[in-house]
Structure formats: C-alpha cells, structure tokens
Amino acid sequence: MRNIYTILVVITSLLFIVFRFPYRTFIYRYDLFDFYIADTSPNFLAVLMFVFFKKRQKNKHNNFQICFFSFVGLVIYEFFIQIHIYPGATIDLLDVISSLLASVISYFICNYFDSKIVIHKK
C-alpha cells in the first residue's frame, strides 16, 4: 500500500511544481483571472503532499490526526511564520480555506485507500 502513497506523493509534488512556478508565473505575467487557483494551489497541494508523505512512511497513522494537524500546521505558518520569512507577505483567507479543503479531501482519499487494504487482506 505504500506504493499507492508513493505514487500520490510524486503526483502531488509534480503538480505543486507546475502550479507554483510556470502556471503561477504565467497567470501573474498576463494578469489573468483563474478563480484564485494560482494563489491557493500551493497551500492545497502542500497539505496533500504532506499527508501522503506521512502515510507512505507508516500506514497505521490516524488519518484524522494527520489531516487535522497538517491543516493546523499550515494555518500556523500562514498566520505567524510566513510574515517573518517573506517580507510584505499577507495573510490570505483563501489559503486557509484551500488548506482546510485539502485536509478534508486527503482524509477521504486516505480512508478510501486504507479500506482497500482491509478488503484486500481478507
């Protein structure tokens, strides 16, 4: 089952790179409106990446705890740490909402794959 989570980590990492660099640069350069995808996708994909990475390491993690604390960690980063790392950074409510949405989605994805393990073992 770790293979599934390894594949998910690779996919989300590649998506993160694509959305963070070429896509975001293109959207900002041409001043396009993309429904805030360029702004929120790094936070969204960071939660997915972290959750899948932790599940890849050890399958017996509690899905709710991983997803919840991933969300809390990114909120702490958004409100307290980011301001000190990036001068002029702003606290963006859409980033918090996208992190919450990603943690809920990752919870259901992990539960789905974990249920496949139980069914497959029987």
N, C-alpha and C. Protein backbone atom coordinates (compact mmCIF):
# COMPACT_ATOMS: atom_id res chain seq x y z
N MET A 1 0.82 -1.20 0.00
CA MET A 1 0.00 0.00 0.00
C MET A 1 0.86 1.26 0.00
N ARG A 2 2.09 1.11 0.47
CA ARG A 2 2.97 2.28 0.44
C ARG A 2 3.23 2.73 -0.98
N ASN A 3 3.12 1.80 -1.93
CA ASN A 3 3.33 2.17 -3.33
C ASN A 3 2.29 3.19 -3.80
N ILE A 4 1.05 3.01 -3.35
CA ILE A 4 -0.01 3.96 -3.72
C ILE A 4 0.32 5.35 -3.18
N TYR A 5 0.72 5.41 -1.93
CA TYR A 5 1.04 6.71 -1.33
C TYR A 5 2.30 7.31 -1.94
N THR A 6 3.25 6.48 -2.34
CA THR A 6 4.44 6.98 -3.02
C THR A 6 4.05 7.61 -4.35
N ILE A 7 3.18 6.95 -5.09
CA ILE A 7 2.70 7.49 -6.36
C ILE A 7 1.95 8.80 -6.13
N LEU A 8 1.13 8.85 -5.09
CA LEU A 8 0.39 10.08 -4.79
C LEU A 8 1.33 11.22 -4.39
N VAL A 9 2.40 10.91 -3.66
CA VAL A 9 3.39 11.94 -3.30
C VAL A 9 4.06 12.49 -4.55
N VAL A 10 4.43 11.60 -5.46
CA VAL A 10 5.09 12.04 -6.69
C VAL A 10 4.14 12.89 -7.53
N ILE A 11 2.90 12.45 -7.67
CA ILE A 11 1.92 13.20 -8.47
C ILE A 11 1.66 14.58 -7.87
N THR A 12 1.43 14.64 -6.56
CA THR A 12 1.16 15.94 -5.93
C THR A 12 2.40 16.84 -5.96
N SER A 13 3.58 16.24 -5.85
CA SER A 13 4.81 17.05 -5.94
C SER A 13 4.97 17.67 -7.32
N LEU A 14 4.72 16.87 -8.34
CA LEU A 14 4.81 17.40 -9.71
C LEU A 14 3.76 18.48 -9.95
N LEU A 15 2.55 18.24 -9.48
CA LEU A 15 1.51 19.27 -9.62
C LEU A 15 1.88 20.54 -8.87
N PHE A 16 2.46 20.37 -7.68
CA PHE A 16 2.90 21.52 -6.90
C PHE A 16 3.91 22.35 -7.68
N ILE A 17 4.89 21.68 -8.27
CA ILE A 17 5.93 22.40 -9.03
C ILE A 17 5.32 23.11 -10.23
N VAL A 18 4.43 22.43 -10.94
CA VAL A 18 3.81 23.04 -12.12
C VAL A 18 2.95 24.24 -11.74
N PHE A 19 2.12 24.08 -10.71
CA PHE A 19 1.23 25.18 -10.33
C PHE A 19 1.98 26.31 -9.64
N ARG A 20 3.05 25.99 -8.95
CA ARG A 20 3.79 27.02 -8.21
C ARG A 20 4.64 27.89 -9.13
N PHE A 21 5.25 27.29 -10.12
CA PHE A 21 6.21 28.05 -10.92
C PHE A 21 5.68 28.44 -12.31
N PRO A 22 5.59 27.55 -13.28
CA PRO A 22 5.20 28.05 -14.61
C PRO A 22 3.76 28.57 -14.67
N TYR A 23 2.83 27.87 -14.03
CA TYR A 23 1.43 28.30 -14.10
C TYR A 23 1.23 29.64 -13.40
N ARG A 24 1.73 29.75 -12.19
CA ARG A 24 1.55 30.98 -11.42
C ARG A 24 2.23 32.16 -12.11
N THR A 25 3.43 31.93 -12.63
CA THR A 25 4.14 32.99 -13.34
C THR A 25 3.36 33.45 -14.57
N PHE A 26 2.82 32.50 -15.30
CA PHE A 26 2.03 32.83 -16.49
C PHE A 26 0.80 33.65 -16.13
N ILE A 27 0.08 33.23 -15.10
CA ILE A 27 -1.14 33.93 -14.68
C ILE A 27 -0.81 35.35 -14.22
N TYR A 28 0.24 35.50 -13.44
CA TYR A 28 0.60 36.83 -12.95
C TYR A 28 1.16 37.72 -14.05
N ARG A 29 1.92 37.15 -14.96
CA ARG A 29 2.53 37.94 -16.03
C ARG A 29 1.46 38.56 -16.93
N TYR A 30 0.45 37.78 -17.26
CA TYR A 30 -0.59 38.26 -18.19
C TYR A 30 -1.83 38.77 -17.47
N ASP A 31 -1.75 38.85 -16.15
CA ASP A 31 -2.83 39.40 -15.33
C ASP A 31 -4.17 38.74 -15.65
N LEU A 32 -4.18 37.42 -15.61
CA LEU A 32 -5.38 36.64 -15.90
C LEU A 32 -6.11 36.29 -14.61
N PHE A 33 -7.40 36.16 -14.70
CA PHE A 33 -8.19 35.71 -13.55
C PHE A 33 -8.47 34.22 -13.70
N ASP A 34 -7.99 33.44 -12.77
CA ASP A 34 -8.15 31.98 -12.84
C ASP A 34 -8.91 31.44 -11.63
N PHE A 35 -9.79 32.26 -11.07
CA PHE A 35 -10.58 31.88 -9.90
C PHE A 35 -9.69 31.55 -8.71
N TYR A 36 -8.58 32.26 -8.57
CA TYR A 36 -7.64 32.17 -7.45
C TYR A 36 -6.90 30.83 -7.37
N ILE A 37 -6.89 30.08 -8.45
CA ILE A 37 -6.18 28.79 -8.44
C ILE A 37 -4.68 29.01 -8.28
N ALA A 38 -4.12 29.99 -8.97
CA ALA A 38 -2.68 30.26 -8.87
C ALA A 38 -2.30 30.68 -7.45
N ASP A 39 -3.21 31.33 -6.75
CA ASP A 39 -2.92 31.80 -5.40
C ASP A 39 -3.03 30.69 -4.36
N THR A 40 -4.00 29.83 -4.51
CA THR A 40 -4.30 28.85 -3.46
C THR A 40 -3.75 27.45 -3.72
N SER A 41 -3.36 27.15 -4.94
CA SER A 41 -2.91 25.79 -5.24
C SER A 41 -1.68 25.36 -4.44
N PRO A 42 -0.69 26.22 -4.16
CA PRO A 42 0.43 25.74 -3.35
C PRO A 42 0.01 25.26 -1.96
N ASN A 43 -0.87 25.99 -1.30
CA ASN A 43 -1.34 25.54 0.02
C ASN A 43 -2.15 24.26 -0.09
N PHE A 44 -3.01 24.19 -1.08
CA PHE A 44 -3.83 23.00 -1.28
C PHE A 44 -2.96 21.76 -1.51
N LEU A 45 -2.01 21.88 -2.41
CA LEU A 45 -1.16 20.74 -2.75
C LEU A 45 -0.16 20.42 -1.65
N ALA A 46 0.24 21.41 -0.85
CA ALA A 46 1.17 21.15 0.25
C ALA A 46 0.53 20.24 1.29
N VAL A 47 -0.73 20.45 1.59
CA VAL A 47 -1.42 19.57 2.54
C VAL A 47 -1.49 18.15 2.00
N LEU A 48 -1.89 18.01 0.75
CA LEU A 48 -1.97 16.68 0.14
C LEU A 48 -0.60 16.00 0.15
N MET A 49 0.43 16.74 -0.23
CA MET A 49 1.78 16.17 -0.26
C MET A 49 2.21 15.67 1.11
N PHE A 50 2.00 16.48 2.13
CA PHE A 50 2.43 16.11 3.47
C PHE A 50 1.67 14.90 3.99
N VAL A 51 0.36 14.89 3.80
CA VAL A 51 -0.45 13.76 4.28
C VAL A 51 -0.04 12.47 3.58
N PHE A 52 0.11 12.50 2.27
CA PHE A 52 0.50 11.29 1.54
C PHE A 52 1.92 10.87 1.90
N PHE A 53 2.80 11.83 2.16
CA PHE A 53 4.16 11.50 2.57
C PHE A 53 4.16 10.78 3.92
N LYS A 54 3.38 11.27 4.86
CA LYS A 54 3.30 10.63 6.18
C LYS A 54 2.68 9.24 6.08
N LYS A 55 1.66 9.10 5.24
CA LYS A 55 1.03 7.78 5.07
C LYS A 55 1.99 6.81 4.38
N ARG A 56 2.87 7.32 3.54
CA ARG A 56 3.84 6.46 2.87
C ARG A 56 4.86 5.93 3.88
N GLN A 57 5.18 6.72 4.87
CA GLN A 57 6.16 6.30 5.86
C GLN A 57 5.62 5.19 6.76
N LYS A 58 4.40 5.37 7.23
CA LYS A 58 3.82 4.42 8.17
C LYS A 58 2.32 4.40 7.93
N ASN A 59 1.81 3.23 7.60
CA ASN A 59 0.41 3.13 7.19
C ASN A 59 -0.57 3.19 8.35
N LYS A 60 -0.10 3.01 9.57
CA LYS A 60 -1.03 2.94 10.71
C LYS A 60 -1.30 4.30 11.35
N HIS A 61 -0.94 5.36 10.66
CA HIS A 61 -1.26 6.68 11.18
C HIS A 61 -2.78 6.86 11.22
N ASN A 62 -3.22 7.64 12.19
CA ASN A 62 -4.62 8.00 12.27
C ASN A 62 -4.88 9.08 11.22
N ASN A 63 -5.75 8.78 10.27
CA ASN A 63 -5.99 9.70 9.15
C ASN A 63 -6.50 11.06 9.62
N PHE A 64 -7.38 11.05 10.59
CA PHE A 64 -7.93 12.32 11.07
C PHE A 64 -6.83 13.18 11.68
N GLN A 65 -5.96 12.57 12.49
CA GLN A 65 -4.89 13.34 13.13
C GLN A 65 -3.93 13.92 12.11
N ILE A 66 -3.53 13.12 11.13
CA ILE A 66 -2.60 13.62 10.11
C ILE A 66 -3.22 14.80 9.36
N CYS A 67 -4.45 14.64 8.93
CA CYS A 67 -5.11 15.69 8.14
C CYS A 67 -5.34 16.94 8.98
N PHE A 68 -5.79 16.75 10.21
CA PHE A 68 -6.07 17.88 11.09
C PHE A 68 -4.80 18.67 11.40
N PHE A 69 -3.75 17.96 11.80
CA PHE A 69 -2.52 18.66 12.18
C PHE A 69 -1.78 19.22 10.97
N SER A 70 -1.97 18.65 9.81
CA SER A 70 -1.43 19.26 8.59
C SER A 70 -2.10 20.61 8.35
N PHE A 71 -3.40 20.63 8.51
CA PHE A 71 -4.15 21.88 8.37
C PHE A 71 -3.72 22.91 9.41
N VAL A 72 -3.63 22.48 10.67
CA VAL A 72 -3.23 23.39 11.74
C VAL A 72 -1.82 23.92 11.50
N GLY A 73 -0.92 23.05 11.05
CA GLY A 73 0.45 23.49 10.77
C GLY A 73 0.51 24.55 9.68
N LEU A 74 -0.27 24.37 8.63
CA LEU A 74 -0.27 25.38 7.56
C LEU A 74 -0.95 26.68 8.00
N VAL A 75 -1.93 26.58 8.87
CA VAL A 75 -2.56 27.80 9.38
C VAL A 75 -1.58 28.56 10.27
N ILE A 76 -0.84 27.83 11.10
CA ILE A 76 0.19 28.48 11.93
C ILE A 76 1.24 29.14 11.03
N TYR A 77 1.64 28.43 10.00
CA TYR A 77 2.59 29.00 9.04
C TYR A 77 2.01 30.26 8.40
N GLU A 78 0.77 30.19 7.99
CA GLU A 78 0.13 31.32 7.30
C GLU A 78 0.04 32.55 8.20
N PHE A 79 -0.34 32.36 9.46
CA PHE A 79 -0.60 33.49 10.34
C PHE A 79 0.63 34.00 11.09
N PHE A 80 1.59 33.11 11.38
CA PHE A 80 2.68 33.53 12.26
C PHE A 80 4.07 33.48 11.62
N ILE A 81 4.36 32.46 10.87
CA ILE A 81 5.72 32.27 10.37
C ILE A 81 5.94 32.98 9.04
N GLN A 82 4.99 32.91 8.15
CA GLN A 82 5.15 33.46 6.81
C GLN A 82 5.50 34.95 6.84
N ILE A 83 4.95 35.67 7.76
CA ILE A 83 5.19 37.11 7.85
C ILE A 83 6.66 37.41 8.13
N HIS A 84 7.32 36.53 8.89
CA HIS A 84 8.72 36.74 9.22
C HIS A 84 9.67 36.25 8.13
N ILE A 85 9.24 35.28 7.33
CA ILE A 85 10.09 34.72 6.28
C ILE A 85 10.04 35.58 5.02
N TYR A 86 8.83 35.94 4.62
CA TYR A 86 8.64 36.71 3.38
C TYR A 86 8.20 38.13 3.73
N PRO A 87 9.09 39.10 3.60
CA PRO A 87 8.69 40.48 3.89
C PRO A 87 7.56 40.93 2.94
N GLY A 88 6.57 41.54 3.49
CA GLY A 88 5.46 42.02 2.68
C GLY A 88 4.39 40.97 2.43
N ALA A 89 4.56 39.78 3.00
CA ALA A 89 3.56 38.72 2.81
C ALA A 89 2.28 39.09 3.55
N THR A 90 1.18 38.69 2.98
CA THR A 90 -0.12 38.97 3.59
C THR A 90 -0.78 37.67 4.02
N ILE A 91 -1.61 37.77 5.02
CA ILE A 91 -2.39 36.62 5.47
C ILE A 91 -3.60 36.53 4.56
N ASP A 92 -3.74 35.39 3.92
CA ASP A 92 -4.79 35.23 2.92
C ASP A 92 -5.80 34.19 3.40
N LEU A 93 -7.04 34.61 3.55
CA LEU A 93 -8.09 33.71 4.00
C LEU A 93 -8.34 32.59 2.99
N LEU A 94 -8.16 32.86 1.71
CA LEU A 94 -8.35 31.82 0.69
C LEU A 94 -7.33 30.69 0.85
N ASP A 95 -6.11 31.01 1.30
CA ASP A 95 -5.12 29.96 1.56
C ASP A 95 -5.57 29.06 2.71
N VAL A 96 -6.14 29.65 3.72
CA VAL A 96 -6.63 28.87 4.86
C VAL A 96 -7.79 27.98 4.42
N ILE A 97 -8.69 28.51 3.62
CA ILE A 97 -9.82 27.72 3.13
C ILE A 97 -9.34 26.60 2.23
N SER A 98 -8.37 26.87 1.36
CA SER A 98 -7.87 25.81 0.48
C SER A 98 -7.14 24.74 1.28
N SER A 99 -6.45 25.12 2.35
CA SER A 99 -5.80 24.13 3.22
C SER A 99 -6.83 23.26 3.91
N LEU A 100 -7.92 23.87 4.37
CA LEU A 100 -8.99 23.10 5.00
C LEU A 100 -9.63 22.14 4.01
N LEU A 101 -9.91 22.61 2.82
CA LEU A 101 -10.49 21.76 1.79
C LEU A 101 -9.56 20.60 1.45
N ALA A 102 -8.27 20.87 1.34
CA ALA A 102 -7.30 19.82 1.04
C ALA A 102 -7.21 18.79 2.16
N SER A 103 -7.30 19.23 3.40
CA SER A 103 -7.24 18.28 4.51
C SER A 103 -8.47 17.38 4.54
N VAL A 104 -9.63 17.92 4.21
CA VAL A 104 -10.85 17.10 4.15
C VAL A 104 -10.75 16.11 2.99
N ILE A 105 -10.31 16.57 1.84
CA ILE A 105 -10.18 15.68 0.68
C ILE A 105 -9.14 14.59 0.94
N SER A 106 -8.01 14.97 1.53
CA SER A 106 -6.97 13.97 1.80
C SER A 106 -7.45 12.95 2.84
N TYR A 107 -8.27 13.37 3.78
CA TYR A 107 -8.84 12.43 4.75
C TYR A 107 -9.66 11.36 4.03
N PHE A 108 -10.51 11.78 3.11
CA PHE A 108 -11.34 10.81 2.39
C PHE A 108 -10.52 9.94 1.44
N ILE A 109 -9.50 10.50 0.83
CA ILE A 109 -8.63 9.70 -0.04
C ILE A 109 -7.91 8.63 0.78
N CYS A 110 -7.36 9.01 1.92
CA CYS A 110 -6.65 8.04 2.77
C CYS A 110 -7.60 6.97 3.30
N ASN A 111 -8.79 7.37 3.71
CA ASN A 111 -9.76 6.37 4.17
C ASN A 111 -10.13 5.40 3.06
N TYR A 112 -10.26 5.91 1.85
CA TYR A 112 -10.58 5.05 0.72
C TYR A 112 -9.49 4.01 0.49
N PHE A 113 -8.25 4.46 0.43
CA PHE A 113 -7.15 3.51 0.19
C PHE A 113 -6.93 2.58 1.37
N ASP A 114 -7.13 3.08 2.59
CA ASP A 114 -6.99 2.20 3.76
C ASP A 114 -8.08 1.14 3.78
N SER A 115 -9.28 1.47 3.34
CA SER A 115 -10.35 0.46 3.28
C SER A 115 -10.05 -0.58 2.21
N LYS A 116 -9.37 -0.18 1.15
CA LYS A 116 -8.97 -1.15 0.12
C LYS A 116 -7.94 -2.13 0.67
N ILE A 117 -7.11 -1.69 1.59
CA ILE A 117 -6.12 -2.58 2.21
C ILE A 117 -6.84 -3.65 3.02
N VAL A 118 -7.82 -3.24 3.82
CA VAL A 118 -8.55 -4.17 4.68
C VAL A 118 -9.30 -5.18 3.82
N ILE A 119 -9.95 -4.73 2.77
CA ILE A 119 -10.69 -5.63 1.89
C ILE A 119 -9.73 -6.58 1.18
N HIS A 120 -8.59 -6.06 0.76
CA HIS A 120 -7.62 -6.87 0.02
C HIS A 120 -6.99 -7.93 0.92
N LYS A 121 -6.80 -7.64 2.21
CA LYS A 121 -6.17 -8.59 3.12
C LYS A 121 -7.09 -9.75 3.46
N LYS A 122 -8.40 -9.55 3.37
CA LYS A 122 -9.35 -10.62 3.73
C LYS A 122 -9.47 -11.58 2.65
